[in-house]
Amino acid sequence: MRYTITQVYVVPARSQAEATDELMLAMEQGNAGLFLVRTSVRGEKVSVLPRLSWWALIRRQLTGR
């Protein structure tokens, strides 16, 4: 199984370039955790049922099948 790991950092700066430089410097020094706000881990979604078109889904809902 594959997982997607996303980390969100908030870096105070006047520009995007300055924020990037600040975060890279913190990563080099091992202090990136100071700016870390959230970490998200997601696994692959496995669909058991085949995908239905909108019309097939509506038909299924209306007929109760």
C-alpha atoms as a PDB file:
ATOM      1  CA  MET A   1       0.000   0.000   0.000  1.00  0.00           C
ATOM      2  CA  ARG A   2       1.196   3.513  -0.743  1.00  0.00           C
ATOM      3  CA  TYR A   3       0.727   6.532   1.498  1.00  0.00           C
ATOM      4  CA  THR A   4       0.772  10.256   0.811  1.00  0.00           C
ATOM      5  CA  ILE A   5       2.345  12.381   3.559  1.00  0.00           C
ATOM      6  CA  THR A   6       1.697  16.120   3.468  1.00  0.00           C
ATOM      7  CA  GLN A   7       3.278  18.628   5.852  1.00  0.00           C
ATOM      8  CA  VAL A   8       2.090  22.231   6.185  1.00  0.00           C
ATOM      9  CA  TYR A   9       4.524  24.929   7.297  1.00  0.00           C
ATOM     10  CA  VAL A  10       3.704  28.549   8.173  1.00  0.00           C
ATOM     11  CA  VAL A  11       6.682  30.876   7.802  1.00  0.00           C
ATOM     12  CA  PRO A  12       6.440  34.609   8.598  1.00  0.00           C
ATOM     13  CA  ALA A  13       8.136  36.619   5.825  1.00  0.00           C
ATOM     14  CA  ARG A  14       7.666  39.635   3.563  1.00  0.00           C
ATOM     15  CA  SER A  15       7.828  37.670   0.300  1.00  0.00           C
ATOM     16  CA  GLN A  16       7.609  34.126  -1.031  1.00  0.00           C
ATOM     17  CA  ALA A  17      11.347  34.070  -1.752  1.00  0.00           C
ATOM     18  CA  GLU A  18      12.166  35.166   1.788  1.00  0.00           C
ATOM     19  CA  ALA A  19       9.826  32.534   3.244  1.00  0.00           C
ATOM     20  CA  THR A  20      11.446  29.834   1.092  1.00  0.00           C
ATOM     21  CA  ASP A  21      14.936  30.894   2.145  1.00  0.00           C
ATOM     22  CA  GLU A  22      13.903  30.990   5.810  1.00  0.00           C
ATOM     23  CA  LEU A  23      12.375  27.506   5.669  1.00  0.00           C
ATOM     24  CA  MET A  24      15.380  26.044   3.805  1.00  0.00           C
ATOM     25  CA  LEU A  25      17.728  27.543   6.394  1.00  0.00           C
ATOM     26  CA  ALA A  26      15.610  26.082   9.213  1.00  0.00           C
ATOM     27  CA  MET A  27      15.655  22.666   7.489  1.00  0.00           C
ATOM     28  CA  GLU A  28      19.448  22.771   7.136  1.00  0.00           C
ATOM     29  CA  GLN A  29      19.802  23.602  10.827  1.00  0.00           C
ATOM     30  CA  GLY A  30      17.250  20.968  11.873  1.00  0.00           C
ATOM     31  CA  ASN A  31      14.719  23.533  13.153  1.00  0.00           C
ATOM     32  CA  ALA A  32      11.971  23.109  10.547  1.00  0.00           C
ATOM     33  CA  GLY A  33       9.658  21.781  13.269  1.00  0.00           C
ATOM     34  CA  LEU A  34       9.334  25.337  14.577  1.00  0.00           C
ATOM     35  CA  PHE A  35       7.266  26.235  11.503  1.00  0.00           C
ATOM     36  CA  LEU A  36       5.382  22.923  11.201  1.00  0.00           C
ATOM     37  CA  VAL A  37       1.627  23.346  11.667  1.00  0.00           C
ATOM     38  CA  ARG A  38       0.081  20.085  10.482  1.00  0.00           C
ATOM     39  CA  THR A  39       1.029  16.658   9.120  1.00  0.00           C
ATOM     40  CA  SER A  40      -1.460  14.577   7.167  1.00  0.00           C
ATOM     41  CA  VAL A  41      -1.059  10.901   6.183  1.00  0.00           C
ATOM     42  CA  ARG A  42      -3.453   9.313   3.700  1.00  0.00           C
ATOM     43  CA  GLY A  43      -3.573   5.808   2.319  1.00  0.00           C
ATOM     44  CA  GLU A  44      -4.743   4.854  -1.130  1.00  0.00           C
ATOM     45  CA  LYS A  45      -8.476   4.653  -1.549  1.00  0.00           C
ATOM     46  CA  VAL A  46      -9.609   1.316  -2.891  1.00  0.00           C
ATOM     47  CA  SER A  47     -12.960   1.284  -4.653  1.00  0.00           C
ATOM     48  CA  VAL A  48     -14.791  -2.022  -4.426  1.00  0.00           C
ATOM     49  CA  LEU A  49     -17.723  -1.012  -6.626  1.00  0.00           C
ATOM     50  CA  PRO A  50     -17.289   0.122 -10.226  1.00  0.00           C
ATOM     51  CA  ARG A  51     -17.828   3.814 -10.855  1.00  0.00           C
ATOM     52  CA  LEU A  52     -21.356   4.785 -11.866  1.00  0.00           C
ATOM     53  CA  SER A  53     -22.441   7.607 -14.102  1.00  0.00           C
ATOM     54  CA  TRP A  54     -24.669  10.300 -12.616  1.00  0.00           C
ATOM     55  CA  TRP A  55     -27.678   8.914 -14.483  1.00  0.00           C
ATOM     56  CA  ALA A  56     -27.069   5.383 -13.242  1.00  0.00           C
ATOM     57  CA  LEU A  57     -26.709   6.688  -9.696  1.00  0.00           C
ATOM     58  CA  ILE A  58     -29.970   8.673  -9.909  1.00  0.00           C
ATOM     59  CA  ARG A  59     -31.770   5.712 -11.444  1.00  0.00           C
ATOM     60  CA  ARG A  60     -30.497   3.470  -8.632  1.00  0.00           C
ATOM     61  CA  GLN A  61     -31.639   5.980  -5.998  1.00  0.00           C
ATOM     62  CA  LEU A  62     -35.119   6.359  -7.535  1.00  0.00           C
ATOM     63  CA  THR A  63     -35.771   2.682  -8.100  1.00  0.00           C
ATOM     64  CA  GLY A  64     -34.237   1.557  -4.810  1.00  0.00           C
ATOM     65  CA  ARG A  65     -31.975  -1.076  -6.362  1.00  0.00           C
END
